[in-house]
């Protein structure tokens, strides 16, 4: 089996929770974590991780992200096979 690159746009439920959500994302050991300005001082996180292509792996990552306290939303914006 190969590997899959997944990218999520993660929004905290408010600006006051941004650092808490960022720390929780770092605990998930992403391959890249970038801040993305949205508007009026709001920021999202662009979370990139390479995972094995196998049953249940993506579901586990989504569950881990969705269990972050202070999370407003998490949207999968890219899924691609790694070459």
N, C-alpha and C. Protein backbone atom coordinates (compact mmCIF):
# COMPACT_ATOMS: atom_id res chain seq x y z
N UNK A 1 0.84 -1.18 0.00
CA UNK A 1 0.00 0.00 0.00
C UNK A 1 0.88 1.24 0.00
N UNK A 2 0.33 2.32 -0.53
CA UNK A 2 1.06 3.57 -0.59
C UNK A 2 0.71 4.50 0.55
N UNK A 3 0.95 5.77 0.28
CA UNK A 3 0.64 6.80 1.27
C UNK A 3 -0.30 7.82 0.67
N UNK A 4 -1.01 8.52 1.53
CA UNK A 4 -1.99 9.53 1.13
C UNK A 4 -1.65 10.84 1.83
N UNK A 5 -1.70 11.93 1.08
CA UNK A 5 -1.51 13.26 1.65
C UNK A 5 -2.90 13.84 1.90
N UNK A 6 -3.16 14.25 3.12
CA UNK A 6 -4.44 14.88 3.44
C UNK A 6 -4.19 16.27 4.02
N UNK A 7 -5.06 17.19 3.63
CA UNK A 7 -4.97 18.57 4.11
C UNK A 7 -6.34 18.96 4.66
N UNK A 8 -6.35 19.49 5.87
CA UNK A 8 -7.57 19.97 6.51
C UNK A 8 -7.44 21.46 6.77
N UNK A 9 -8.55 22.19 6.63
CA UNK A 9 -8.63 23.58 7.09
C UNK A 9 -9.38 23.52 8.41
N UNK A 10 -8.71 23.93 9.46
CA UNK A 10 -9.23 23.83 10.82
C UNK A 10 -9.51 25.23 11.35
N UNK A 11 -10.75 25.44 11.77
CA UNK A 11 -11.16 26.73 12.32
C UNK A 11 -11.50 26.56 13.80
N UNK A 12 -10.88 27.36 14.66
CA UNK A 12 -11.30 27.35 16.06
C UNK A 12 -12.68 28.00 16.19
N UNK A 13 -13.36 27.73 17.30
CA UNK A 13 -14.69 28.31 17.48
C UNK A 13 -14.65 29.78 17.85
N UNK A 14 -13.46 30.32 18.07
CA UNK A 14 -13.30 31.75 18.34
C UNK A 14 -11.82 32.09 18.41
N UNK A 15 -11.48 33.36 18.21
CA UNK A 15 -10.07 33.76 18.23
C UNK A 15 -9.37 33.45 19.56
N UNK A 16 -10.14 33.43 20.63
CA UNK A 16 -9.54 33.16 21.94
C UNK A 16 -9.06 31.71 22.08
N UNK A 17 -9.56 30.81 21.23
CA UNK A 17 -9.16 29.41 21.29
C UNK A 17 -8.11 29.03 20.24
N UNK A 18 -7.63 30.00 19.47
CA UNK A 18 -6.71 29.68 18.38
C UNK A 18 -5.45 28.96 18.87
N UNK A 19 -4.80 29.50 19.88
CA UNK A 19 -3.55 28.89 20.35
C UNK A 19 -3.78 27.50 20.96
N UNK A 20 -4.90 27.32 21.64
CA UNK A 20 -5.24 26.02 22.22
C UNK A 20 -5.45 24.98 21.12
N UNK A 21 -6.17 25.37 20.07
CA UNK A 21 -6.41 24.46 18.94
C UNK A 21 -5.11 24.19 18.20
N UNK A 22 -4.28 25.21 18.04
CA UNK A 22 -2.99 25.03 17.36
C UNK A 22 -2.12 24.03 18.11
N UNK A 23 -2.07 24.15 19.43
CA UNK A 23 -1.28 23.22 20.25
C UNK A 23 -1.81 21.79 20.12
N UNK A 24 -3.13 21.64 20.13
CA UNK A 24 -3.73 20.31 19.99
C UNK A 24 -3.41 19.72 18.62
N UNK A 25 -3.38 20.56 17.59
CA UNK A 25 -3.01 20.09 16.24
C UNK A 25 -1.55 19.66 16.21
N UNK A 26 -0.68 20.41 16.86
CA UNK A 26 0.73 20.04 16.91
C UNK A 26 0.93 18.69 17.60
N UNK A 27 0.09 18.39 18.57
CA UNK A 27 0.17 17.11 19.28
C UNK A 27 -0.17 15.93 18.36
N UNK A 28 -0.88 16.19 17.24
CA UNK A 28 -1.21 15.14 16.27
C UNK A 28 -0.07 14.91 15.28
N UNK A 29 1.03 15.63 15.45
CA UNK A 29 2.25 15.48 14.65
C UNK A 29 2.01 15.62 13.14
N UNK A 30 1.55 16.81 12.72
CA UNK A 30 1.36 17.01 11.28
C UNK A 30 2.71 17.13 10.57
N UNK A 31 2.72 16.89 9.27
CA UNK A 31 3.93 17.11 8.49
C UNK A 31 4.11 18.59 8.21
N UNK A 32 3.01 19.33 8.20
CA UNK A 32 3.07 20.79 8.04
C UNK A 32 1.83 21.37 8.73
N UNK A 33 2.04 22.50 9.40
CA UNK A 33 0.94 23.21 10.05
C UNK A 33 1.15 24.70 9.78
N UNK A 34 0.24 25.30 9.03
CA UNK A 34 0.38 26.70 8.64
C UNK A 34 -0.82 27.50 9.14
N UNK A 35 -0.55 28.76 9.47
CA UNK A 35 -1.63 29.69 9.81
C UNK A 35 -2.11 30.34 8.52
N UNK A 36 -3.42 30.45 8.39
CA UNK A 36 -4.03 31.01 7.18
C UNK A 36 -4.97 32.14 7.59
N UNK A 37 -4.65 33.41 7.25
CA UNK A 37 -5.55 34.51 7.60
C UNK A 37 -6.88 34.38 6.86
N UNK A 38 -7.97 34.64 7.55
CA UNK A 38 -9.30 34.56 6.96
C UNK A 38 -9.85 35.98 6.74
N UNK A 39 -10.23 36.64 7.80
CA UNK A 39 -10.74 38.01 7.73
C UNK A 39 -10.89 38.57 9.14
N UNK A 40 -10.75 39.88 9.26
CA UNK A 40 -10.98 40.58 10.52
C UNK A 40 -10.18 39.96 11.68
N UNK A 41 -8.95 39.56 11.42
CA UNK A 41 -8.11 38.99 12.46
C UNK A 41 -8.33 37.52 12.74
N UNK A 42 -9.30 36.90 12.08
CA UNK A 42 -9.54 35.47 12.26
C UNK A 42 -8.51 34.68 11.47
N UNK A 43 -8.07 33.57 12.05
CA UNK A 43 -7.10 32.71 11.39
C UNK A 43 -7.58 31.27 11.43
N UNK A 44 -7.23 30.54 10.37
CA UNK A 44 -7.47 29.10 10.32
C UNK A 44 -6.12 28.42 10.33
N UNK A 45 -6.13 27.13 10.53
CA UNK A 45 -4.93 26.32 10.45
C UNK A 45 -5.05 25.39 9.25
N UNK A 46 -3.99 25.30 8.49
CA UNK A 46 -3.93 24.37 7.37
C UNK A 46 -3.05 23.21 7.84
N UNK A 47 -3.68 22.07 8.07
CA UNK A 47 -3.07 20.89 8.68
C UNK A 47 -2.79 19.87 7.59
N UNK A 48 -1.51 19.55 7.36
CA UNK A 48 -1.12 18.59 6.32
C UNK A 48 -0.44 17.40 6.97
N UNK A 49 -0.86 16.20 6.58
CA UNK A 49 -0.27 14.99 7.14
C UNK A 49 -0.24 13.90 6.06
N UNK A 50 0.84 13.14 6.06
CA UNK A 50 0.96 11.98 5.18
C UNK A 50 0.62 10.75 6.02
N UNK A 51 -0.37 10.00 5.55
CA UNK A 51 -0.83 8.82 6.29
C UNK A 51 -0.76 7.60 5.38
N UNK A 52 -0.68 6.40 5.98
CA UNK A 52 -0.71 5.19 5.16
C UNK A 52 -2.09 5.02 4.52
N UNK A 53 -2.09 4.47 3.31
CA UNK A 53 -3.34 4.20 2.60
C UNK A 53 -3.86 2.85 3.08
N UNK A 54 -4.77 2.90 4.03
CA UNK A 54 -5.30 1.66 4.58
C UNK A 54 -6.66 1.89 5.20
N UNK A 55 -7.38 0.83 5.46
CA UNK A 55 -8.71 0.97 6.03
C UNK A 55 -8.69 1.58 7.43
N UNK A 56 -9.53 2.57 7.65
CA UNK A 56 -9.71 3.17 8.96
C UNK A 56 -8.70 4.24 9.35
N UNK A 57 -7.62 4.41 8.58
CA UNK A 57 -6.59 5.38 8.96
C UNK A 57 -7.13 6.81 8.85
N UNK A 58 -7.81 7.11 7.75
CA UNK A 58 -8.38 8.45 7.55
C UNK A 58 -9.46 8.73 8.58
N UNK A 59 -10.29 7.74 8.86
CA UNK A 59 -11.34 7.91 9.87
C UNK A 59 -10.76 8.24 11.24
N UNK A 60 -9.67 7.57 11.61
CA UNK A 60 -9.04 7.83 12.90
C UNK A 60 -8.50 9.25 12.97
N UNK A 61 -7.86 9.71 11.88
CA UNK A 61 -7.33 11.08 11.86
C UNK A 61 -8.48 12.09 11.97
N UNK A 62 -9.56 11.87 11.20
CA UNK A 62 -10.71 12.77 11.28
C UNK A 62 -11.30 12.80 12.68
N UNK A 63 -11.41 11.65 13.32
CA UNK A 63 -11.94 11.60 14.69
C UNK A 63 -11.03 12.33 15.66
N UNK A 64 -9.71 12.16 15.50
CA UNK A 64 -8.75 12.85 16.37
C UNK A 64 -8.88 14.37 16.21
N UNK A 65 -9.01 14.83 14.97
CA UNK A 65 -9.14 16.27 14.73
C UNK A 65 -10.46 16.78 15.29
N UNK A 66 -11.55 16.06 15.03
CA UNK A 66 -12.86 16.52 15.49
C UNK A 66 -13.03 16.47 17.00
N UNK A 67 -12.14 15.77 17.71
CA UNK A 67 -12.24 15.71 19.17
C UNK A 67 -11.47 16.84 19.86
N UNK A 68 -10.85 17.73 19.09
CA UNK A 68 -10.10 18.85 19.66
C UNK A 68 -11.07 19.82 20.35
N UNK A 69 -10.76 20.17 21.58
CA UNK A 69 -11.60 21.13 22.32
C UNK A 69 -11.38 22.53 21.75
N UNK A 70 -12.47 23.26 21.55
CA UNK A 70 -12.38 24.61 21.00
C UNK A 70 -12.45 24.64 19.48
N UNK A 71 -12.67 23.48 18.87
CA UNK A 71 -12.74 23.38 17.41
C UNK A 71 -14.08 23.92 16.91
N UNK A 72 -14.03 24.78 15.91
CA UNK A 72 -15.25 25.26 15.28
C UNK A 72 -15.64 24.36 14.12
N UNK A 73 -14.67 24.11 13.22
CA UNK A 73 -14.92 23.22 12.09
C UNK A 73 -13.60 22.68 11.57
N UNK A 74 -13.69 21.54 10.90
CA UNK A 74 -12.54 20.93 10.23
C UNK A 74 -13.03 20.43 8.89
N UNK A 75 -12.42 20.93 7.82
CA UNK A 75 -12.85 20.59 6.47
C UNK A 75 -11.68 19.95 5.73
N UNK A 76 -11.92 18.78 5.17
CA UNK A 76 -10.90 18.13 4.35
C UNK A 76 -10.88 18.85 3.01
N UNK A 77 -9.78 19.55 2.70
CA UNK A 77 -9.71 20.31 1.47
C UNK A 77 -8.87 19.64 0.39
N UNK A 78 -8.13 18.57 0.75
CA UNK A 78 -7.34 17.85 -0.24
C UNK A 78 -7.03 16.45 0.26
N UNK A 79 -7.21 15.48 -0.63
CA UNK A 79 -6.76 14.11 -0.39
C UNK A 79 -6.13 13.65 -1.68
N UNK A 80 -4.88 13.22 -1.60
CA UNK A 80 -4.16 12.83 -2.81
C UNK A 80 -3.17 11.72 -2.49
N UNK A 81 -3.00 10.82 -3.43
CA UNK A 81 -1.98 9.77 -3.25
C UNK A 81 -0.61 10.39 -3.37
N UNK A 82 0.29 9.97 -2.49
CA UNK A 82 1.67 10.45 -2.55
C UNK A 82 2.42 9.63 -3.59
N UNK A 83 3.26 10.28 -4.34
CA UNK A 83 4.04 9.59 -5.37
C UNK A 83 5.43 9.32 -4.89
